[in-house]
ModelCIF file with pLDDT and N, C-alpha, C, O atoms, coordinates in Angstrom:
data_MODEL
#
_entry.id   MODEL 
#
_entity.id                         1 
_entity.type                       polymer 
_entity.pdbx_number_of_molecules   1 
#
_entity_poly.entity_id                      1 
_entity_poly.type                           'polypeptide(L)' 
_entity_poly.nstd_linkage                   no 
_entity_poly.nstd_monomer                   no 
_entity_poly.pdbx_seq_one_letter_code       
;(UNK)(UNK)(UNK)(UNK)(UNK)(UNK)(UNK)(UNK)(UNK)(UNK)(UNK)(UNK)(UNK)(UNK)(UNK)(UNK)
(UNK)(UNK)(UNK)(UNK)(UNK)(UNK)(UNK)(UNK)(UNK)(UNK)(UNK)(UNK)(UNK)(UNK)(UNK)(UNK)
(UNK)(UNK)(UNK)(UNK)(UNK)(UNK)(UNK)(UNK)(UNK)(UNK)(UNK)(UNK)(UNK)
;
_entity_poly.pdbx_seq_one_letter_code_can   XXXXXXXXXXXXXXXXXXXXXXXXXXXXXXXXXXXXXXXXXXXXX 
_entity_poly.pdbx_strand_id                 A 
#
loop_
_entity_poly_seq.entity_id 
_entity_poly_seq.num 
_entity_poly_seq.mon_id 
_entity_poly_seq.hetero 
1 1  UNK n 
1 2  UNK n 
1 3  UNK n 
1 4  UNK n 
1 5  UNK n 
1 6  UNK n 
1 7  UNK n 
1 8  UNK n 
1 9  UNK n 
1 10 UNK n 
1 11 UNK n 
1 12 UNK n 
1 13 UNK n 
1 14 UNK n 
1 15 UNK n 
1 16 UNK n 
1 17 UNK n 
1 18 UNK n 
1 19 UNK n 
1 20 UNK n 
1 21 UNK n 
1 22 UNK n 
1 23 UNK n 
1 24 UNK n 
1 25 UNK n 
1 26 UNK n 
1 27 UNK n 
1 28 UNK n 
1 29 UNK n 
1 30 UNK n 
1 31 UNK n 
1 32 UNK n 
1 33 UNK n 
1 34 UNK n 
1 35 UNK n 
1 36 UNK n 
1 37 UNK n 
1 38 UNK n 
1 39 UNK n 
1 40 UNK n 
1 41 UNK n 
1 42 UNK n 
1 43 UNK n 
1 44 UNK n 
1 45 UNK n 
#
_struct_asym.id          A 
_struct_asym.entity_id   1 
#
loop_
_ma_qa_metric.id 
_ma_qa_metric.mode 
_ma_qa_metric.name 
_ma_qa_metric.software_group_id 
_ma_qa_metric.type 
1 global pLDDT . pLDDT 
2 local  pLDDT . pLDDT 
#
_ma_qa_metric_global.metric_id      1 
_ma_qa_metric_global.metric_value   70.67 
_ma_qa_metric_global.model_id       1 
_ma_qa_metric_global.ordinal_id     1 
#
loop_
_ma_qa_metric_local.label_asym_id 
_ma_qa_metric_local.label_comp_id 
_ma_qa_metric_local.label_seq_id 
_ma_qa_metric_local.metric_id 
_ma_qa_metric_local.metric_value 
_ma_qa_metric_local.model_id 
_ma_qa_metric_local.ordinal_id 
A UNK 1  2 93.00 1 1  
A UNK 2  2 90.00 1 2  
A UNK 3  2 90.00 1 3  
A UNK 4  2 92.00 1 4  
A UNK 5  2 91.00 1 5  
A UNK 6  2 88.00 1 6  
A UNK 7  2 87.00 1 7  
A UNK 8  2 88.00 1 8  
A UNK 9  2 87.00 1 9  
A UNK 10 2 89.00 1 10 
A UNK 11 2 85.00 1 11 
A UNK 12 2 82.00 1 12 
A UNK 13 2 84.00 1 13 
A UNK 14 2 84.00 1 14 
A UNK 15 2 79.00 1 15 
A UNK 16 2 77.00 1 16 
A UNK 17 2 80.00 1 17 
A UNK 18 2 75.00 1 18 
A UNK 19 2 71.00 1 19 
A UNK 20 2 72.00 1 20 
A UNK 21 2 74.00 1 21 
A UNK 22 2 68.00 1 22 
A UNK 23 2 65.00 1 23 
A UNK 24 2 67.00 1 24 
A UNK 25 2 65.00 1 25 
A UNK 26 2 60.00 1 26 
A UNK 27 2 58.00 1 27 
A UNK 28 2 57.00 1 28 
A UNK 29 2 55.00 1 29 
A UNK 30 2 55.00 1 30 
A UNK 31 2 53.00 1 31 
A UNK 32 2 51.00 1 32 
A UNK 33 2 52.00 1 33 
A UNK 34 2 54.00 1 34 
A UNK 35 2 54.00 1 35 
A UNK 36 2 53.00 1 36 
A UNK 37 2 56.00 1 37 
A UNK 38 2 54.00 1 38 
A UNK 39 2 57.00 1 39 
A UNK 40 2 57.00 1 40 
A UNK 41 2 61.00 1 41 
A UNK 42 2 62.00 1 42 
A UNK 43 2 68.00 1 43 
A UNK 44 2 70.00 1 44 
A UNK 45 2 70.00 1 45 
#
loop_
_atom_site.group_PDB 
_atom_site.id 
_atom_site.type_symbol 
_atom_site.label_atom_id 
_atom_site.label_alt_id 
_atom_site.label_comp_id 
_atom_site.label_asym_id 
_atom_site.label_entity_id 
_atom_site.label_seq_id 
_atom_site.pdbx_PDB_ins_code 
_atom_site.Cartn_x 
_atom_site.Cartn_y 
_atom_site.Cartn_z 
_atom_site.occupancy 
_atom_site.B_iso_or_equiv 
_atom_site.pdbx_formal_charge 
_atom_site.auth_seq_id 
_atom_site.auth_comp_id 
_atom_site.auth_asym_id 
_atom_site.auth_atom_id 
_atom_site.pdbx_PDB_model_num 
ATOM 1   N N  . UNK A 1 1  ? -5.788  -14.235 -6.041  1.00 93.00 ? 1  UNK A N  1 
ATOM 2   C CA . UNK A 1 1  ? -5.106  -13.885 -7.334  1.00 93.00 ? 1  UNK A CA 1 
ATOM 3   C C  . UNK A 1 1  ? -3.715  -13.982 -7.276  1.00 93.00 ? 1  UNK A C  1 
ATOM 4   O O  . UNK A 1 1  ? -3.110  -14.547 -8.188  1.00 93.00 ? 1  UNK A O  1 
ATOM 5   N N  . UNK A 1 2  ? -3.075  -13.455 -6.222  1.00 90.00 ? 2  UNK A N  1 
ATOM 6   C CA . UNK A 1 2  ? -1.479  -13.353 -6.256  1.00 90.00 ? 2  UNK A CA 1 
ATOM 7   C C  . UNK A 1 2  ? -0.975  -14.858 -6.660  1.00 90.00 ? 2  UNK A C  1 
ATOM 8   O O  . UNK A 1 2  ? -0.108  -14.820 -7.532  1.00 90.00 ? 2  UNK A O  1 
ATOM 9   N N  . UNK A 1 3  ? -1.250  -15.894 -6.315  1.00 90.00 ? 3  UNK A N  1 
ATOM 10  C CA . UNK A 1 3  ? -0.520  -17.055 -6.761  1.00 90.00 ? 3  UNK A CA 1 
ATOM 11  C C  . UNK A 1 3  ? -0.932  -17.409 -8.290  1.00 90.00 ? 3  UNK A C  1 
ATOM 12  O O  . UNK A 1 3  ? -0.223  -18.216 -8.890  1.00 90.00 ? 3  UNK A O  1 
ATOM 13  N N  . UNK A 1 4  ? -2.114  -16.803 -8.977  1.00 92.00 ? 4  UNK A N  1 
ATOM 14  C CA . UNK A 1 4  ? -2.106  -16.997 -10.226 1.00 92.00 ? 4  UNK A CA 1 
ATOM 15  C C  . UNK A 1 4  ? -1.602  -15.888 -11.136 1.00 92.00 ? 4  UNK A C  1 
ATOM 16  O O  . UNK A 1 4  ? -1.366  -16.064 -12.331 1.00 92.00 ? 4  UNK A O  1 
ATOM 17  N N  . UNK A 1 5  ? -1.485  -14.992 -10.636 1.00 91.00 ? 5  UNK A N  1 
ATOM 18  C CA . UNK A 1 5  ? -0.538  -13.848 -11.151 1.00 91.00 ? 5  UNK A CA 1 
ATOM 19  C C  . UNK A 1 5  ? 1.028   -14.159 -11.173 1.00 91.00 ? 5  UNK A C  1 
ATOM 20  O O  . UNK A 1 5  ? 1.723   -13.814 -12.129 1.00 91.00 ? 5  UNK A O  1 
ATOM 21  N N  . UNK A 1 6  ? 1.502   -14.780 -10.149 1.00 88.00 ? 6  UNK A N  1 
ATOM 22  C CA . UNK A 1 6  ? 2.909   -15.030 -9.726  1.00 88.00 ? 6  UNK A CA 1 
ATOM 23  C C  . UNK A 1 6  ? 3.871   -13.683 -9.937  1.00 88.00 ? 6  UNK A C  1 
ATOM 24  O O  . UNK A 1 6  ? 4.705   -13.590 -10.837 1.00 88.00 ? 6  UNK A O  1 
ATOM 25  N N  . UNK A 1 7  ? 3.650   -12.852 -9.129  1.00 87.00 ? 7  UNK A N  1 
ATOM 26  C CA . UNK A 1 7  ? 4.323   -11.543 -9.351  1.00 87.00 ? 7  UNK A CA 1 
ATOM 27  C C  . UNK A 1 7  ? 5.850   -11.585 -9.252  1.00 87.00 ? 7  UNK A C  1 
ATOM 28  O O  . UNK A 1 7  ? 6.300   -12.466 -8.519  1.00 87.00 ? 7  UNK A O  1 
ATOM 29  N N  . UNK A 1 8  ? 6.675   -10.819 -9.839  1.00 88.00 ? 8  UNK A N  1 
ATOM 30  C CA . UNK A 1 8  ? 8.022   -10.821 -9.654  1.00 88.00 ? 8  UNK A CA 1 
ATOM 31  C C  . UNK A 1 8  ? 8.538   -10.057 -8.491  1.00 88.00 ? 8  UNK A C  1 
ATOM 32  O O  . UNK A 1 8  ? 7.837   -9.142  -8.059  1.00 88.00 ? 8  UNK A O  1 
ATOM 33  N N  . UNK A 1 9  ? 9.752   -10.335 -7.896  1.00 87.00 ? 9  UNK A N  1 
ATOM 34  C CA . UNK A 1 9  ? 10.291  -9.512  -7.091  1.00 87.00 ? 9  UNK A CA 1 
ATOM 35  C C  . UNK A 1 9  ? 10.261  -7.891  -7.286  1.00 87.00 ? 9  UNK A C  1 
ATOM 36  O O  . UNK A 1 9  ? 10.055  -7.082  -6.381  1.00 87.00 ? 9  UNK A O  1 
ATOM 37  N N  . UNK A 1 10 ? 10.511  -7.586  -8.667  1.00 89.00 ? 10 UNK A N  1 
ATOM 38  C CA . UNK A 1 10 ? 10.515  -6.137  -8.894  1.00 89.00 ? 10 UNK A CA 1 
ATOM 39  C C  . UNK A 1 10 ? 9.283   -5.610  -8.666  1.00 89.00 ? 10 UNK A C  1 
ATOM 40  O O  . UNK A 1 10 ? 9.150   -4.587  -7.995  1.00 89.00 ? 10 UNK A O  1 
ATOM 41  N N  . UNK A 1 11 ? 8.153   -6.330  -9.262  1.00 85.00 ? 11 UNK A N  1 
ATOM 42  C CA . UNK A 1 11 ? 6.670   -5.953  -9.200  1.00 85.00 ? 11 UNK A CA 1 
ATOM 43  C C  . UNK A 1 11 ? 6.453   -5.779  -7.746  1.00 85.00 ? 11 UNK A C  1 
ATOM 44  O O  . UNK A 1 11 ? 5.791   -4.802  -7.394  1.00 85.00 ? 11 UNK A O  1 
ATOM 45  N N  . UNK A 1 12 ? 6.937   -6.623  -6.817  1.00 82.00 ? 12 UNK A N  1 
ATOM 46  C CA . UNK A 1 12 ? 6.527   -6.655  -5.318  1.00 82.00 ? 12 UNK A CA 1 
ATOM 47  C C  . UNK A 1 12 ? 7.197   -5.217  -4.874  1.00 82.00 ? 12 UNK A C  1 
ATOM 48  O O  . UNK A 1 12 ? 6.532   -4.463  -4.164  1.00 82.00 ? 12 UNK A O  1 
ATOM 49  N N  . UNK A 1 13 ? 8.368   -4.888  -5.252  1.00 84.00 ? 13 UNK A N  1 
ATOM 50  C CA . UNK A 1 13 ? 9.006   -3.647  -4.668  1.00 84.00 ? 13 UNK A CA 1 
ATOM 51  C C  . UNK A 1 13 ? 8.521   -2.431  -5.165  1.00 84.00 ? 13 UNK A C  1 
ATOM 52  O O  . UNK A 1 13 ? 8.584   -1.429  -4.452  1.00 84.00 ? 13 UNK A O  1 
ATOM 53  N N  . UNK A 1 14 ? 7.998   -2.380  -6.408  1.00 84.00 ? 14 UNK A N  1 
ATOM 54  C CA . UNK A 1 14 ? 7.155   -1.517  -6.974  1.00 84.00 ? 14 UNK A CA 1 
ATOM 55  C C  . UNK A 1 14 ? 5.966   -1.040  -6.225  1.00 84.00 ? 14 UNK A C  1 
ATOM 56  O O  . UNK A 1 14 ? 5.776   0.156   -6.005  1.00 84.00 ? 14 UNK A O  1 
ATOM 57  N N  . UNK A 1 15 ? 5.207   -1.937  -5.854  1.00 79.00 ? 15 UNK A N  1 
ATOM 58  C CA . UNK A 1 15 ? 3.862   -1.800  -5.201  1.00 79.00 ? 15 UNK A CA 1 
ATOM 59  C C  . UNK A 1 15 ? 4.170   -1.360  -3.759  1.00 79.00 ? 15 UNK A C  1 
ATOM 60  O O  . UNK A 1 15 ? 3.463   -0.567  -3.137  1.00 79.00 ? 15 UNK A O  1 
ATOM 61  N N  . UNK A 1 16 ? 5.378   -1.992  -3.240  1.00 77.00 ? 16 UNK A N  1 
ATOM 62  C CA . UNK A 1 16 ? 5.475   -1.761  -1.800  1.00 77.00 ? 16 UNK A CA 1 
ATOM 63  C C  . UNK A 1 16 ? 5.998   -0.073  -1.746  1.00 77.00 ? 16 UNK A C  1 
ATOM 64  O O  . UNK A 1 16 ? 5.679   0.691   -0.835  1.00 77.00 ? 16 UNK A O  1 
ATOM 65  N N  . UNK A 1 17 ? 6.684   0.230   -2.684  1.00 80.00 ? 17 UNK A N  1 
ATOM 66  C CA . UNK A 1 17 ? 7.091   1.737   -2.901  1.00 80.00 ? 17 UNK A CA 1 
ATOM 67  C C  . UNK A 1 17 ? 5.828   2.635   -2.883  1.00 80.00 ? 17 UNK A C  1 
ATOM 68  O O  . UNK A 1 17 ? 5.628   3.590   -2.132  1.00 80.00 ? 17 UNK A O  1 
ATOM 69  N N  . UNK A 1 18 ? 5.099   2.200   -3.748  1.00 75.00 ? 18 UNK A N  1 
ATOM 70  C CA . UNK A 1 18 ? 3.716   2.988   -4.038  1.00 75.00 ? 18 UNK A CA 1 
ATOM 71  C C  . UNK A 1 18 ? 2.835   3.031   -2.482  1.00 75.00 ? 18 UNK A C  1 
ATOM 72  O O  . UNK A 1 18 ? 2.249   4.018   -2.038  1.00 75.00 ? 18 UNK A O  1 
ATOM 73  N N  . UNK A 1 19 ? 2.926   1.817   -1.896  1.00 71.00 ? 19 UNK A N  1 
ATOM 74  C CA . UNK A 1 19 ? 2.179   1.882   -0.552  1.00 71.00 ? 19 UNK A CA 1 
ATOM 75  C C  . UNK A 1 19 ? 2.862   2.925   0.434   1.00 71.00 ? 19 UNK A C  1 
ATOM 76  O O  . UNK A 1 19 ? 2.183   3.722   1.080   1.00 71.00 ? 19 UNK A O  1 
ATOM 77  N N  . UNK A 1 20 ? 4.315   2.868   0.514   1.00 72.00 ? 20 UNK A N  1 
ATOM 78  C CA . UNK A 1 20 ? 4.992   3.578   1.557   1.00 72.00 ? 20 UNK A CA 1 
ATOM 79  C C  . UNK A 1 20 ? 4.714   5.007   1.217   1.00 72.00 ? 20 UNK A C  1 
ATOM 80  O O  . UNK A 1 20 ? 4.460   5.749   2.166   1.00 72.00 ? 20 UNK A O  1 
ATOM 81  N N  . UNK A 1 21 ? 4.726   5.594   -0.203  1.00 74.00 ? 21 UNK A N  1 
ATOM 82  C CA . UNK A 1 21 ? 4.578   6.913   -0.479  1.00 74.00 ? 21 UNK A CA 1 
ATOM 83  C C  . UNK A 1 21 ? 3.234   7.272   0.010   1.00 74.00 ? 21 UNK A C  1 
ATOM 84  O O  . UNK A 1 21 ? 3.124   8.300   0.679   1.00 74.00 ? 21 UNK A O  1 
ATOM 85  N N  . UNK A 1 22 ? 2.045   6.441   -0.281  1.00 68.00 ? 22 UNK A N  1 
ATOM 86  C CA . UNK A 1 22 ? 0.627   7.040   -0.076  1.00 68.00 ? 22 UNK A CA 1 
ATOM 87  C C  . UNK A 1 22 ? 0.484   7.011   1.551   1.00 68.00 ? 22 UNK A C  1 
ATOM 88  O O  . UNK A 1 22 ? -0.291  7.801   2.089   1.00 68.00 ? 22 UNK A O  1 
ATOM 89  N N  . UNK A 1 23 ? 1.291   6.031   2.365   1.00 65.00 ? 23 UNK A N  1 
ATOM 90  C CA . UNK A 1 23 ? 1.112   6.074   3.631   1.00 65.00 ? 23 UNK A CA 1 
ATOM 91  C C  . UNK A 1 23 ? 1.593   7.431   4.289   1.00 65.00 ? 23 UNK A C  1 
ATOM 92  O O  . UNK A 1 23 ? 0.947   8.119   5.079   1.00 65.00 ? 23 UNK A O  1 
ATOM 93  N N  . UNK A 1 24 ? 2.944   7.684   3.765   1.00 67.00 ? 24 UNK A N  1 
ATOM 94  C CA . UNK A 1 24 ? 3.460   9.009   4.310   1.00 67.00 ? 24 UNK A CA 1 
ATOM 95  C C  . UNK A 1 24 ? 2.515   10.292  3.920   1.00 67.00 ? 24 UNK A C  1 
ATOM 96  O O  . UNK A 1 24 ? 2.383   11.262  4.666   1.00 67.00 ? 24 UNK A O  1 
ATOM 97  N N  . UNK A 1 25 ? 1.921   10.167  2.728   1.00 65.00 ? 25 UNK A N  1 
ATOM 98  C CA . UNK A 1 25 ? 0.979   11.383  2.256   1.00 65.00 ? 25 UNK A CA 1 
ATOM 99  C C  . UNK A 1 25 ? -0.237  11.334  3.338   1.00 65.00 ? 25 UNK A C  1 
ATOM 100 O O  . UNK A 1 25 ? -0.568  12.373  3.908   1.00 65.00 ? 25 UNK A O  1 
ATOM 101 N N  . UNK A 1 26 ? -0.822  10.238  3.576   1.00 60.00 ? 26 UNK A N  1 
ATOM 102 C CA . UNK A 1 26 ? -1.721  10.324  4.431   1.00 60.00 ? 26 UNK A CA 1 
ATOM 103 C C  . UNK A 1 26 ? -1.315  10.760  5.974   1.00 60.00 ? 26 UNK A C  1 
ATOM 104 O O  . UNK A 1 26 ? -2.111  11.445  6.616   1.00 60.00 ? 26 UNK A O  1 
ATOM 105 N N  . UNK A 1 27 ? -0.091  10.355  6.537   1.00 58.00 ? 27 UNK A N  1 
ATOM 106 C CA . UNK A 1 27 ? 0.373   10.754  7.869   1.00 58.00 ? 27 UNK A CA 1 
ATOM 107 C C  . UNK A 1 27 ? 0.704   12.565  7.494   1.00 58.00 ? 27 UNK A C  1 
ATOM 108 O O  . UNK A 1 27 ? 0.519   13.366  8.410   1.00 58.00 ? 27 UNK A O  1 
ATOM 109 N N  . UNK A 1 28 ? 1.038   12.919  6.545   1.00 57.00 ? 28 UNK A N  1 
ATOM 110 C CA . UNK A 1 28 ? 1.046   14.431  6.290   1.00 57.00 ? 28 UNK A CA 1 
ATOM 111 C C  . UNK A 1 28 ? -0.171  15.169  6.001   1.00 57.00 ? 28 UNK A C  1 
ATOM 112 O O  . UNK A 1 28 ? -0.159  16.387  5.823   1.00 57.00 ? 28 UNK A O  1 
ATOM 113 N N  . UNK A 1 29 ? -1.351  14.371  5.946   1.00 55.00 ? 29 UNK A N  1 
ATOM 114 C CA . UNK A 1 29 ? -2.700  15.163  5.610   1.00 55.00 ? 29 UNK A CA 1 
ATOM 115 C C  . UNK A 1 29 ? -2.903  15.274  4.168   1.00 55.00 ? 29 UNK A C  1 
ATOM 116 O O  . UNK A 1 29 ? -4.013  15.730  3.894   1.00 55.00 ? 29 UNK A O  1 
ATOM 117 N N  . UNK A 1 30 ? -2.248  15.025  3.274   1.00 55.00 ? 30 UNK A N  1 
ATOM 118 C CA . UNK A 1 30 ? -2.301  15.271  1.740   1.00 55.00 ? 30 UNK A CA 1 
ATOM 119 C C  . UNK A 1 30 ? -2.955  14.037  1.013   1.00 55.00 ? 30 UNK A C  1 
ATOM 120 O O  . UNK A 1 30 ? -3.184  14.172  -0.189  1.00 55.00 ? 30 UNK A O  1 
ATOM 121 N N  . UNK A 1 31 ? -3.261  12.907  1.594   1.00 53.00 ? 31 UNK A N  1 
ATOM 122 C CA . UNK A 1 31 ? -3.795  11.703  1.148   1.00 53.00 ? 31 UNK A CA 1 
ATOM 123 C C  . UNK A 1 31 ? -4.969  11.375  1.706   1.00 53.00 ? 31 UNK A C  1 
ATOM 124 O O  . UNK A 1 31 ? -4.945  10.352  2.390   1.00 53.00 ? 31 UNK A O  1 
ATOM 125 N N  . UNK A 1 32 ? -6.104  12.007  1.605   1.00 51.00 ? 32 UNK A N  1 
ATOM 126 C CA . UNK A 1 32 ? -7.392  11.773  2.655   1.00 51.00 ? 32 UNK A CA 1 
ATOM 127 C C  . UNK A 1 32 ? -8.329  10.692  1.944   1.00 51.00 ? 32 UNK A C  1 
ATOM 128 O O  . UNK A 1 32 ? -9.454  10.540  2.419   1.00 51.00 ? 32 UNK A O  1 
ATOM 129 N N  . UNK A 1 33 ? -7.963  9.969   0.893   1.00 52.00 ? 33 UNK A N  1 
ATOM 130 C CA . UNK A 1 33 ? -8.879  9.095   0.290   1.00 52.00 ? 33 UNK A CA 1 
ATOM 131 C C  . UNK A 1 33 ? -9.592  8.108   1.126   1.00 52.00 ? 33 UNK A C  1 
ATOM 132 O O  . UNK A 1 33 ? -10.782 7.807   1.033   1.00 52.00 ? 33 UNK A O  1 
ATOM 133 N N  . UNK A 1 34 ? -8.585  7.570   2.079   1.00 54.00 ? 34 UNK A N  1 
ATOM 134 C CA . UNK A 1 34 ? -8.923  6.324   2.864   1.00 54.00 ? 34 UNK A CA 1 
ATOM 135 C C  . UNK A 1 34 ? -9.164  6.847   4.246   1.00 54.00 ? 34 UNK A C  1 
ATOM 136 O O  . UNK A 1 34 ? -9.180  5.957   5.097   1.00 54.00 ? 34 UNK A O  1 
ATOM 137 N N  . UNK A 1 35 ? -9.371  8.164   4.722   1.00 54.00 ? 35 UNK A N  1 
ATOM 138 C CA . UNK A 1 35 ? -9.322  8.318   6.018   1.00 54.00 ? 35 UNK A CA 1 
ATOM 139 C C  . UNK A 1 35 ? -10.459 7.808   6.631   1.00 54.00 ? 35 UNK A C  1 
ATOM 140 O O  . UNK A 1 35 ? -10.414 7.747   7.860   1.00 54.00 ? 35 UNK A O  1 
ATOM 141 N N  . UNK A 1 36 ? -11.580 7.385   6.012   1.00 53.00 ? 36 UNK A N  1 
ATOM 142 C CA . UNK A 1 36 ? -12.739 6.828   6.707   1.00 53.00 ? 36 UNK A CA 1 
ATOM 143 C C  . UNK A 1 36 ? -12.550 5.385   7.153   1.00 53.00 ? 36 UNK A C  1 
ATOM 144 O O  . UNK A 1 36 ? -13.418 4.771   7.773   1.00 53.00 ? 36 UNK A O  1 
ATOM 145 N N  . UNK A 1 37 ? -11.401 4.889   6.815   1.00 56.00 ? 37 UNK A N  1 
ATOM 146 C CA . UNK A 1 37 ? -11.025 3.496   7.167   1.00 56.00 ? 37 UNK A CA 1 
ATOM 147 C C  . UNK A 1 37 ? -10.142 3.730   8.427   1.00 56.00 ? 37 UNK A C  1 
ATOM 148 O O  . UNK A 1 37 ? -9.049  4.290   8.350   1.00 56.00 ? 37 UNK A O  1 
ATOM 149 N N  . UNK A 1 38 ? -10.637 3.303   9.510   1.00 54.00 ? 38 UNK A N  1 
ATOM 150 C CA . UNK A 1 38 ? -9.810  3.384   10.850  1.00 54.00 ? 38 UNK A CA 1 
ATOM 151 C C  . UNK A 1 38 ? -8.915  2.063   11.304  1.00 54.00 ? 38 UNK A C  1 
ATOM 152 O O  . UNK A 1 38 ? -7.770  2.158   11.747  1.00 54.00 ? 38 UNK A O  1 
ATOM 153 N N  . UNK A 1 39 ? -9.511  1.019   11.149  1.00 57.00 ? 39 UNK A N  1 
ATOM 154 C CA . UNK A 1 39 ? -8.791  -0.030  11.564  1.00 57.00 ? 39 UNK A CA 1 
ATOM 155 C C  . UNK A 1 39 ? -7.396  -0.284  10.788  1.00 57.00 ? 39 UNK A C  1 
ATOM 156 O O  . UNK A 1 39 ? -7.357  0.186   9.650   1.00 57.00 ? 39 UNK A O  1 
ATOM 157 N N  . UNK A 1 40 ? -6.327  -0.916  11.216  1.00 57.00 ? 40 UNK A N  1 
ATOM 158 C CA . UNK A 1 40 ? -5.285  -1.117  10.825  1.00 57.00 ? 40 UNK A CA 1 
ATOM 159 C C  . UNK A 1 40 ? -4.657  -2.694  10.652  1.00 57.00 ? 40 UNK A C  1 
ATOM 160 O O  . UNK A 1 40 ? -4.620  -3.465  11.612  1.00 57.00 ? 40 UNK A O  1 
ATOM 161 N N  . UNK A 1 41 ? -4.212  -3.031  9.411   1.00 61.00 ? 41 UNK A N  1 
ATOM 162 C CA . UNK A 1 41 ? -3.873  -4.296  9.190   1.00 61.00 ? 41 UNK A CA 1 
ATOM 163 C C  . UNK A 1 41 ? -2.341  -4.289  8.806   1.00 61.00 ? 41 UNK A C  1 
ATOM 164 O O  . UNK A 1 41 ? -2.164  -3.925  7.643   1.00 61.00 ? 41 UNK A O  1 
ATOM 165 N N  . UNK A 1 42 ? -1.348  -4.561  9.409   1.00 62.00 ? 42 UNK A N  1 
ATOM 166 C CA . UNK A 1 42 ? -0.015  -3.996  9.064   1.00 62.00 ? 42 UNK A CA 1 
ATOM 167 C C  . UNK A 1 42 ? 0.416   -5.063  8.171   1.00 62.00 ? 42 UNK A C  1 
ATOM 168 O O  . UNK A 1 42 ? 0.142   -6.257  8.294   1.00 62.00 ? 42 UNK A O  1 
ATOM 169 N N  . UNK A 1 43 ? 1.080   -4.545  7.311   1.00 68.00 ? 43 UNK A N  1 
ATOM 170 C CA . UNK A 1 43 ? 1.892   -5.217  6.260   1.00 68.00 ? 43 UNK A CA 1 
ATOM 171 C C  . UNK A 1 43 ? 1.022   -6.243  5.395   1.00 68.00 ? 43 UNK A C  1 
ATOM 172 O O  . UNK A 1 43 ? 1.501   -7.339  5.103   1.00 68.00 ? 43 UNK A O  1 
ATOM 173 N N  . UNK A 1 44 ? -0.081  -5.925  5.048   1.00 70.00 ? 44 UNK A N  1 
ATOM 174 C CA . UNK A 1 44 ? -1.006  -6.719  4.369   1.00 70.00 ? 44 UNK A CA 1 
ATOM 175 C C  . UNK A 1 44 ? -0.529  -7.096  3.176   1.00 70.00 ? 44 UNK A C  1 
ATOM 176 O O  . UNK A 1 44 ? -0.666  -8.275  2.851   1.00 70.00 ? 44 UNK A O  1 
ATOM 177 N N  . UNK A 1 45 ? 0.105   -6.196  2.318   1.00 70.00 ? 45 UNK A N  1 
ATOM 178 C CA . UNK A 1 45 ? 0.525   -6.581  0.988   1.00 70.00 ? 45 UNK A CA 1 
ATOM 179 C C  . UNK A 1 45 ? 1.942   -7.528  1.069   1.00 70.00 ? 45 UNK A C  1 
ATOM 180 O O  . UNK A 1 45 ? 2.459   -7.955  0.036   1.00 70.00 ? 45 UNK A O  1 
#
């Protein structure tokens, strides 16, 4: 769907910011929603 939507650079930056914030919260133990997923796929977005 990414090529159909054609996201702008500003949209990409906002999504990556949200991803880093959530990753930081998970590391700190305050974002447990996805703790049942153990594998890692770096830089997927």
